Protein backbone atom coordinates (compact mmCIF):
# COMPACT_ATOMS: atom_id res chain seq x y z
CA MET A 1 -22.66 82.85 2.70
CA ARG A 2 -22.72 79.27 3.10
CA LEU A 3 -19.16 78.99 1.95
CA ILE A 4 -18.01 81.61 4.74
CA ALA A 5 -19.93 79.81 7.29
CA ALA A 6 -18.46 76.42 6.25
CA ILE A 7 -14.79 77.92 6.34
CA LEU A 8 -15.25 79.70 9.76
CA ALA A 9 -16.65 76.30 11.18
CA THR A 10 -13.65 74.47 9.84
CA THR A 11 -11.34 77.01 11.03
CA LEU A 12 -12.96 76.93 14.64
CA LEU A 13 -12.69 73.29 14.61
CA ALA A 14 -9.04 73.29 13.89
CA ALA A 15 -8.41 76.01 16.22
CA CYS A 16 -10.04 73.78 19.11
CA ALA A 17 -8.28 70.84 17.94
CA MET A 18 -4.92 72.69 17.95
CA LEU A 19 -5.83 74.13 21.43
CA ALA A 20 -6.61 70.54 22.92
CA GLU A 21 -3.55 69.11 21.69
CA GLN A 22 -1.47 71.91 23.15
CA ARG A 23 -3.30 71.42 26.56
CA THR A 24 -2.34 67.55 26.01
CA ILE A 25 1.10 68.12 25.44
CA SER A 26 1.37 70.74 28.38
CA ALA A 27 -0.22 68.09 30.78
CA MET A 28 2.44 65.48 29.52
CA ARG A 29 5.14 67.86 30.17
CA GLU A 30 3.82 68.89 33.63
CA LYS A 31 3.61 65.31 34.41
CA ILE A 32 7.18 64.82 33.50
CA ARG A 33 8.30 67.91 35.21
CA VAL A 34 6.84 66.98 38.60
CA HIS A 35 8.96 63.95 38.38
CA TRP A 36 12.35 65.48 37.26
CA LYS A 37 14.75 65.77 40.13
CA PRO A 38 18.17 66.79 38.65
CA ASP A 39 21.06 67.71 40.86
CA PRO A 40 20.58 71.27 42.02
CA ALA A 41 24.11 72.08 40.91
CA ILE A 42 23.21 72.19 37.15
CA PHE A 43 21.09 75.41 37.90
CA SER A 44 24.54 77.25 38.34
CA GLN A 45 25.38 76.96 34.59
CA PRO A 46 22.04 75.72 32.87
CA ASP A 47 23.16 76.34 29.52
CA GLN A 48 25.73 73.13 29.83
CA TYR A 49 22.98 70.95 31.23
CA ARG A 50 20.16 71.03 28.62
CA VAL A 51 19.01 67.50 28.02
CA ALA A 52 16.89 66.52 25.14
CA VAL A 53 15.22 62.92 25.09
CA ARG A 54 13.28 61.36 22.42
CA PHE A 55 11.06 58.45 23.15
CA HIS A 56 8.40 56.22 21.49
CA LEU A 57 5.16 55.24 23.12
CA ASP A 58 2.67 52.59 22.51
CA ARG A 59 -1.17 53.15 22.42
CA ASN A 60 -1.33 52.72 26.14
CA GLY A 61 0.94 55.74 26.70
CA ARG A 62 3.68 53.44 27.96
CA LEU A 63 7.51 53.51 26.55
CA SER A 64 7.83 51.25 23.61
CA SER A 65 11.55 51.35 23.09
CA PRO A 66 14.91 52.65 24.94
CA MET A 67 14.87 56.42 25.21
CA GLU A 68 17.36 58.19 23.15
CA VAL A 69 19.18 61.36 24.55
CA ARG A 70 19.48 63.76 21.45
CA SER A 71 21.69 66.37 23.13
CA LYS A 72 25.52 66.48 23.79
CA GLY A 73 27.44 67.05 26.95
CA SER A 74 29.86 65.39 29.08
CA GLY A 75 30.87 65.12 32.64
CA PRO A 76 29.57 63.36 35.58
CA LEU A 77 26.87 66.43 36.17
CA TYR A 78 25.76 66.05 32.69
CA GLN A 79 25.40 62.34 32.76
CA SER A 80 23.50 62.86 36.14
CA ALA A 81 20.92 65.32 34.47
CA THR A 82 20.38 62.94 31.51
CA GLU A 83 19.88 60.01 33.89
CA ALA A 84 17.28 62.20 35.99
CA ALA A 85 15.60 63.20 32.68
CA LYS A 86 15.09 59.60 31.67
CA ARG A 87 14.04 58.60 35.18
CA ALA A 88 11.44 61.31 35.27
CA ILE A 89 9.80 60.03 31.85
CA GLU A 90 10.04 56.44 33.24
CA LEU A 91 8.13 57.24 36.59
CA SER A 92 5.50 59.45 34.68
CA GLN A 93 4.00 56.37 32.81
CA PRO A 94 1.39 55.66 31.48
CA PHE A 95 0.76 59.16 29.74
CA ASP A 96 -3.10 58.34 30.06
CA MET A 97 -3.76 62.01 29.03
CA LEU A 98 -2.92 61.04 25.33
CA SER A 99 -5.79 59.84 23.11
CA PRO A 100 -5.49 56.77 21.29
CA SER A 101 -7.30 58.11 18.54
CA THR A 102 -4.64 60.64 17.69
CA TYR A 103 -1.75 58.01 18.39
CA GLU A 104 0.09 59.28 15.28
CA LYS A 105 0.64 62.56 16.63
CA TRP A 106 2.31 61.43 19.76
CA GLU A 107 3.69 58.11 18.99
CA GLU A 108 7.11 59.77 18.87
CA VAL A 109 7.82 62.39 21.65
CA GLN A 110 10.95 64.71 22.36
CA ILE A 111 11.06 66.53 25.80
CA ASP A 112 13.59 69.08 26.31
CA PHE A 113 14.94 69.36 29.94
CA ASP A 114 16.10 73.03 30.14
CA PRO A 115 17.11 73.97 33.83
CA ARG A 116 16.07 77.51 33.02
CA THR A 117 12.58 76.81 31.70
CA PHE A 118 11.54 73.20 32.72
CA SER A 119 11.82 73.30 36.22
CA THR A 120 12.23 75.79 39.24
CA PRO A 121 15.10 74.91 41.51
CA GLY A 122 14.08 73.45 44.76
CA PRO A 123 16.02 73.35 48.05
CA PRO A 124 19.40 71.86 48.13
CA ARG A 125 19.39 68.07 48.42
């Protein structure tokens, strides 16, 4: 019976930790999403303007090296979308919702800016 209780307790702790991590990631994504202001024209063909950006953070939740665009695209609108994504990340610093005790889990982050799911198009600018 003790073994079962120990297994259940361990499982519950792991589930709580995973839920806390998911909430932290969601908070980080939301903070970035609020600052993401892409050209509204990207919403007409969202598949062409998905942008993935990888970045490294220091223990204070600030960028520690230049960001790296991991997706491929071309044209002025795609370039504008990548700049909007990078600007959103820069403006969102510091990521103070991240705990220094779990630094190894969030030292490197990749955010996917998909116009279909990451943002709701606002009014034209």
